[in-house]
Amino acid sequence: MLKTAALSYYISLYWWVFLLFIKDRIAYDTEVLIGSGILGMAVAFAISWLYFQFRGGHEESN
């Protein structure tokens, strides 16, 4: 779960940077921008969780 959280955090950071980049070029309503950011964070977490579930990253190997 820690790996999932870390990966989704980094994906979310880039997602917010992308949204701010888009905001400067296209006029978006603030509520839509924030909603897209939060939804993107949830999707990033879900994809990260699925990735580590199917990859088997929940087991620590030394």
PDB file of N, CA and C in Angstrom:
ATOM      1  N   MET A   1       0.827  -1.189   0.000  1.00  0.00           N
ATOM      2  CA  MET A   1       0.000   0.000   0.000  1.00  0.00           C
ATOM      3  C   MET A   1       0.874   1.257   0.000  1.00  0.00           C
ATOM      4  N   LEU A   2       2.033   1.160   0.644  1.00  0.00           N
ATOM      5  CA  LEU A   2       2.942   2.303   0.684  1.00  0.00           C
ATOM      6  C   LEU A   2       3.490   2.615  -0.711  1.00  0.00           C
ATOM      7  N   LYS A   3       3.827   1.580  -1.465  1.00  0.00           N
ATOM      8  CA  LYS A   3       4.298   1.782  -2.835  1.00  0.00           C
ATOM      9  C   LYS A   3       3.199   2.380  -3.704  1.00  0.00           C
ATOM     10  N   THR A   4       1.987   1.925  -3.511  1.00  0.00           N
ATOM     11  CA  THR A   4       0.852   2.451  -4.259  1.00  0.00           C
ATOM     12  C   THR A   4       0.659   3.929  -3.979  1.00  0.00           C
ATOM     13  N   ALA A   5       0.725   4.296  -2.717  1.00  0.00           N
ATOM     14  CA  ALA A   5       0.554   5.695  -2.344  1.00  0.00           C
ATOM     15  C   ALA A   5       1.673   6.559  -2.903  1.00  0.00           C
ATOM     16  N   ALA A   6       2.896   6.054  -2.867  1.00  0.00           N
ATOM     17  CA  ALA A   6       4.025   6.827  -3.372  1.00  0.00           C
ATOM     18  C   ALA A   6       3.924   7.043  -4.880  1.00  0.00           C
ATOM     19  N   LEU A   7       3.601   5.992  -5.609  1.00  0.00           N
ATOM     20  CA  LEU A   7       3.477   6.115  -7.056  1.00  0.00           C
ATOM     21  C   LEU A   7       2.326   7.042  -7.440  1.00  0.00           C
ATOM     22  N   SER A   8       1.194   6.895  -6.796  1.00  0.00           N
ATOM     23  CA  SER A   8       0.058   7.751  -7.131  1.00  0.00           C
ATOM     24  C   SER A   8       0.320   9.203  -6.749  1.00  0.00           C
ATOM     25  N   TYR A   9       1.122   9.440  -5.717  1.00  0.00           N
ATOM     26  CA  TYR A   9       1.490  10.807  -5.336  1.00  0.00           C
ATOM     27  C   TYR A   9       2.284  11.469  -6.457  1.00  0.00           C
ATOM     28  N   TYR A  10       3.285  10.765  -6.991  1.00  0.00           N
ATOM     29  CA  TYR A  10       4.088  11.331  -8.071  1.00  0.00           C
ATOM     30  C   TYR A  10       3.275  11.534  -9.340  1.00  0.00           C
ATOM     31  N   ILE A  11       2.400  10.600  -9.642  1.00  0.00           N
ATOM     32  CA  ILE A  11       1.528  10.768 -10.802  1.00  0.00           C
ATOM     33  C   ILE A  11       0.619  11.973 -10.598  1.00  0.00           C
ATOM     34  N   SER A  12       0.101  12.139  -9.391  1.00  0.00           N
ATOM     35  CA  SER A  12      -0.788  13.260  -9.089  1.00  0.00           C
ATOM     36  C   SER A  12      -0.076  14.597  -9.209  1.00  0.00           C
ATOM     37  N   LEU A  13       1.180  14.640  -8.800  1.00  0.00           N
ATOM     38  CA  LEU A  13       1.938  15.887  -8.944  1.00  0.00           C
ATOM     39  C   LEU A  13       2.033  16.307 -10.415  1.00  0.00           C
ATOM     40  N   TYR A  14       2.364  15.358 -11.271  1.00  0.00           N
ATOM     41  CA  TYR A  14       2.450  15.666 -12.697  1.00  0.00           C
ATOM     42  C   TYR A  14       1.081  15.979 -13.284  1.00  0.00           C
ATOM     43  N   TRP A  15       0.054  15.354 -12.767  1.00  0.00           N
ATOM     44  CA  TRP A  15      -1.311  15.637 -13.228  1.00  0.00           C
ATOM     45  C   TRP A  15      -1.683  17.094 -12.928  1.00  0.00           C
ATOM     46  N   TRP A  16      -1.359  17.564 -11.714  1.00  0.00           N
ATOM     47  CA  TRP A  16      -1.664  18.946 -11.365  1.00  0.00           C
ATOM     48  C   TRP A  16      -0.846  19.929 -12.196  1.00  0.00           C
ATOM     49  N   VAL A  17       0.411  19.602 -12.466  1.00  0.00           N
ATOM     50  CA  VAL A  17       1.230  20.466 -13.322  1.00  0.00           C
ATOM     51  C   VAL A  17       0.624  20.543 -14.720  1.00  0.00           C
ATOM     52  N   PHE A  18       0.173  19.411 -15.237  1.00  0.00           N
ATOM     53  CA  PHE A  18      -0.475  19.386 -16.546  1.00  0.00           C
ATOM     54  C   PHE A  18      -1.750  20.236 -16.537  1.00  0.00           C
ATOM     55  N   LEU A  19      -2.563  20.122 -15.489  1.00  0.00           N
ATOM     56  CA  LEU A  19      -3.791  20.909 -15.413  1.00  0.00           C
ATOM     57  C   LEU A  19      -3.503  22.401 -15.342  1.00  0.00           C
ATOM     58  N   LEU A  20      -2.474  22.782 -14.613  1.00  0.00           N
ATOM     59  CA  LEU A  20      -2.112  24.200 -14.547  1.00  0.00           C
ATOM     60  C   LEU A  20      -1.586  24.695 -15.888  1.00  0.00           C
ATOM     61  N   PHE A  21      -0.880  23.845 -16.596  1.00  0.00           N
ATOM     62  CA  PHE A  21      -0.415  24.191 -17.940  1.00  0.00           C
ATOM     63  C   PHE A  21      -1.607  24.410 -18.872  1.00  0.00           C
ATOM     64  N   ILE A  22      -2.582  23.521 -18.807  1.00  0.00           N
ATOM     65  CA  ILE A  22      -3.784  23.639 -19.639  1.00  0.00           C
ATOM     66  C   ILE A  22      -4.587  24.877 -19.255  1.00  0.00           C
ATOM     67  N   LYS A  23      -4.640  25.172 -17.961  1.00  0.00           N
ATOM     68  CA  LYS A  23      -5.417  26.321 -17.469  1.00  0.00           C
ATOM     69  C   LYS A  23      -4.909  27.624 -18.073  1.00  0.00           C
ATOM     70  N   ASP A  24      -3.613  27.720 -18.290  1.00  0.00           N
ATOM     71  CA  ASP A  24      -3.057  28.941 -18.866  1.00  0.00           C
ATOM     72  C   ASP A  24      -3.412  29.099 -20.340  1.00  0.00           C
ATOM     73  N   ARG A  25      -3.725  28.019 -21.009  1.00  0.00           N
ATOM     74  CA  ARG A  25      -3.997  28.070 -22.439  1.00  0.00           C
ATOM     75  C   ARG A  25      -5.480  28.018 -22.799  1.00  0.00           C
ATOM     76  N   ILE A  26      -6.277  27.385 -21.951  1.00  0.00           N
ATOM     77  CA  ILE A  26      -7.710  27.248 -22.209  1.00  0.00           C
ATOM     78  C   ILE A  26      -8.459  27.745 -20.980  1.00  0.00           C
ATOM     79  N   ALA A  27      -9.510  28.504 -21.185  1.00  0.00           N
ATOM     80  CA  ALA A  27     -10.291  29.035 -20.067  1.00  0.00           C
ATOM     81  C   ALA A  27     -11.181  27.933 -19.493  1.00  0.00           C
ATOM     82  N   TYR A  28     -10.848  27.500 -18.279  1.00  0.00           N
ATOM     83  CA  TYR A  28     -11.647  26.504 -17.562  1.00  0.00           C
ATOM     84  C   TYR A  28     -12.221  27.139 -16.312  1.00  0.00           C
ATOM     85  N   ASP A  29     -13.397  26.692 -15.937  1.00  0.00           N
ATOM     86  CA  ASP A  29     -13.994  27.125 -14.690  1.00  0.00           C
ATOM     87  C   ASP A  29     -13.196  26.510 -13.533  1.00  0.00           C
ATOM     88  N   THR A  30     -13.060  27.229 -12.445  1.00  0.00           N
ATOM     89  CA  THR A  30     -12.260  26.769 -11.315  1.00  0.00           C
ATOM     90  C   THR A  30     -12.791  25.463 -10.748  1.00  0.00           C
ATOM     91  N   GLU A  31     -14.107  25.328 -10.646  1.00  0.00           N
ATOM     92  CA  GLU A  31     -14.692  24.107 -10.107  1.00  0.00           C
ATOM     93  C   GLU A  31     -14.381  22.901 -10.982  1.00  0.00           C
ATOM     94  N   VAL A  32     -14.387  23.094 -12.287  1.00  0.00           N
ATOM     95  CA  VAL A  32     -14.082  22.008 -13.211  1.00  0.00           C
ATOM     96  C   VAL A  32     -12.616  21.604 -13.070  1.00  0.00           C
ATOM     97  N   LEU A  33     -11.748  22.585 -12.935  1.00  0.00           N
ATOM     98  CA  LEU A  33     -10.320  22.305 -12.797  1.00  0.00           C
ATOM     99  C   LEU A  33     -10.027  21.527 -11.513  1.00  0.00           C
ATOM    100  N   ILE A  34     -10.595  21.964 -10.421  1.00  0.00           N
ATOM    101  CA  ILE A  34     -10.373  21.279  -9.140  1.00  0.00           C
ATOM    102  C   ILE A  34     -11.006  19.885  -9.162  1.00  0.00           C
ATOM    103  N   GLY A  35     -12.197  19.784  -9.716  1.00  0.00           N
ATOM    104  CA  GLY A  35     -12.846  18.476  -9.830  1.00  0.00           C
ATOM    105  C   GLY A  35     -12.044  17.513 -10.685  1.00  0.00           C
ATOM    106  N   SER A  36     -11.493  18.009 -11.786  1.00  0.00           N
ATOM    107  CA  SER A  36     -10.653  17.168 -12.645  1.00  0.00           C
ATOM    108  C   SER A  36      -9.390  16.737 -11.915  1.00  0.00           C
ATOM    109  N   GLY A  37      -8.833  17.624 -11.117  1.00  0.00           N
ATOM    110  CA  GLY A  37      -7.635  17.286 -10.354  1.00  0.00           C
ATOM    111  C   GLY A  37      -7.899  16.208  -9.325  1.00  0.00           C
ATOM    112  N   ILE A  38      -8.985  16.337  -8.598  1.00  0.00           N
ATOM    113  CA  ILE A  38      -9.316  15.346  -7.578  1.00  0.00           C
ATOM    114  C   ILE A  38      -9.678  14.007  -8.212  1.00  0.00           C
ATOM    115  N   LEU A  39     -10.435  14.050  -9.291  1.00  0.00           N
ATOM    116  CA  LEU A  39     -10.777  12.811  -9.994  1.00  0.00           C
ATOM    117  C   LEU A  39      -9.522  12.145 -10.561  1.00  0.00           C
ATOM    118  N   GLY A  40      -8.619  12.941 -11.100  1.00  0.00           N
ATOM    119  CA  GLY A  40      -7.367  12.403 -11.619  1.00  0.00           C
ATOM    120  C   GLY A  40      -6.527  11.757 -10.532  1.00  0.00           C
ATOM    121  N   MET A  41      -6.534  12.340  -9.343  1.00  0.00           N
ATOM    122  CA  MET A  41      -5.796  11.755  -8.224  1.00  0.00           C
ATOM    123  C   MET A  41      -6.383  10.402  -7.843  1.00  0.00           C
ATOM    124  N   ALA A  42      -7.709  10.310  -7.821  1.00  0.00           N
ATOM    125  CA  ALA A  42      -8.362   9.047  -7.480  1.00  0.00           C
ATOM    126  C   ALA A  42      -8.074   7.986  -8.540  1.00  0.00           C
ATOM    127  N   VAL A  43      -8.107   8.375  -9.806  1.00  0.00           N
ATOM    128  CA  VAL A  43      -7.809   7.435 -10.885  1.00  0.00           C
ATOM    129  C   VAL A  43      -6.351   6.986 -10.818  1.00  0.00           C
ATOM    130  N   ALA A  44      -5.444   7.920 -10.514  1.00  0.00           N
ATOM    131  CA  ALA A  44      -4.024   7.561 -10.393  1.00  0.00           C
ATOM    132  C   ALA A  44      -3.822   6.552  -9.266  1.00  0.00           C
ATOM    133  N   PHE A  45      -4.514   6.740  -8.148  1.00  0.00           N
ATOM    134  CA  PHE A  45      -4.402   5.792  -7.042  1.00  0.00           C
ATOM    135  C   PHE A  45      -4.945   4.425  -7.447  1.00  0.00           C
ATOM    136  N   ALA A  46      -6.089   4.417  -8.129  1.00  0.00           N
ATOM    137  CA  ALA A  46      -6.692   3.142  -8.540  1.00  0.00           C
ATOM    138  C   ALA A  46      -5.794   2.397  -9.526  1.00  0.00           C
ATOM    139  N   ILE A  47      -5.225   3.120 -10.472  1.00  0.00           N
ATOM    140  CA  ILE A  47      -4.334   2.478 -11.441  1.00  0.00           C
ATOM    141  C   ILE A  47      -3.075   1.971 -10.754  1.00  0.00           C
ATOM    142  N   SER A  48      -2.539   2.743  -9.829  1.00  0.00           N
ATOM    143  CA  SER A  48      -1.348   2.309  -9.090  1.00  0.00           C
ATOM    144  C   SER A  48      -1.653   1.069  -8.266  1.00  0.00           C
ATOM    145  N   TRP A  49      -2.807   1.040  -7.639  1.00  0.00           N
ATOM    146  CA  TRP A  49      -3.194  -0.114  -6.822  1.00  0.00           C
ATOM    147  C   TRP A  49      -3.336  -1.359  -7.693  1.00  0.00           C
ATOM    148  N   LEU A  50      -4.008  -1.193  -8.839  1.00  0.00           N
ATOM    149  CA  LEU A  50      -4.159  -2.325  -9.755  1.00  0.00           C
ATOM    150  C   LEU A  50      -2.805  -2.808 -10.269  1.00  0.00           C
ATOM    151  N   TYR A  51      -1.924  -1.880 -10.575  1.00  0.00           N
ATOM    152  CA  TYR A  51      -0.596  -2.238 -11.066  1.00  0.00           C
ATOM    153  C   TYR A  51       0.139  -3.102 -10.047  1.00  0.00           C
ATOM    154  N   PHE A  52       0.157  -2.684  -8.800  1.00  0.00           N
ATOM    155  CA  PHE A  52       0.885  -3.438  -7.793  1.00  0.00           C
ATOM    156  C   PHE A  52       0.164  -4.723  -7.386  1.00  0.00           C
ATOM    157  N   GLN A  53      -1.144  -4.777  -7.532  1.00  0.00           N
ATOM    158  CA  GLN A  53      -1.874  -6.009  -7.245  1.00  0.00           C
ATOM    159  C   GLN A  53      -1.555  -7.085  -8.279  1.00  0.00           C
ATOM    160  N   PHE A  54      -1.542  -6.711  -9.555  1.00  0.00           N
ATOM    161  CA  PHE A  54      -1.287  -7.691 -10.601  1.00  0.00           C
ATOM    162  C   PHE A  54       0.195  -7.974 -10.786  1.00  0.00           C
ATOM    163  N   ARG A  55       1.034  -7.014 -10.488  1.00  0.00           N
ATOM    164  CA  ARG A  55       2.471  -7.194 -10.626  1.00  0.00           C
ATOM    165  C   ARG A  55       3.031  -7.984  -9.452  1.00  0.00           C
ATOM    166  N   GLY A  56       2.372  -7.912  -8.333  1.00  0.00           N
ATOM    167  CA  GLY A  56       2.859  -8.604  -7.146  1.00  0.00           C
ATOM    168  C   GLY A  56       3.815  -7.754  -6.321  1.00  0.00           C
ATOM    169  N   GLY A  57       3.664  -6.444  -6.393  1.00  0.00           N
ATOM    170  CA  GLY A  57       4.555  -5.537  -5.688  1.00  0.00           C
ATOM    171  C   GLY A  57       4.283  -5.427  -4.203  1.00  0.00           C
ATOM    172  N   HIS A  58       3.261  -6.133  -3.731  1.00  0.00           N
ATOM    173  CA  HIS A  58       2.947  -6.050  -2.312  1.00  0.00           C
ATOM    174  C   HIS A  58       3.902  -6.885  -1.469  1.00  0.00           C
ATOM    175  N   GLU A  59       4.709  -7.710  -2.118  1.00  0.00           N
ATOM    176  CA  GLU A  59       5.686  -8.524  -1.396  1.00  0.00           C
ATOM    177  C   GLU A  59       7.043  -7.827  -1.443  1.00  0.00           C
ATOM    178  N   GLU A  60       7.683  -7.722  -0.318  1.00  0.00           N
ATOM    179  CA  GLU A  60       9.003  -7.101  -0.257  1.00  0.00           C
ATOM    180  C   GLU A  60      10.060  -8.138  -0.606  1.00  0.00           C
ATOM    181  N   SER A  61      10.962  -7.807  -1.498  1.00  0.00           N
ATOM    182  CA  SER A  61      12.066  -8.713  -1.808  1.00  0.00           C
ATOM    183  C   SER A  61      13.380  -8.008  -1.500  1.00  0.00           C
ATOM    184  N   ASN A  62      14.276  -8.733  -0.891  1.00  0.00           N
ATOM    185  CA  ASN A  62      15.574  -8.151  -0.522  1.00  0.00           C
ATOM    186  C   ASN A  62      16.660  -8.723  -1.377  1.00  0.00           C
TER     187      ASN A  62
END
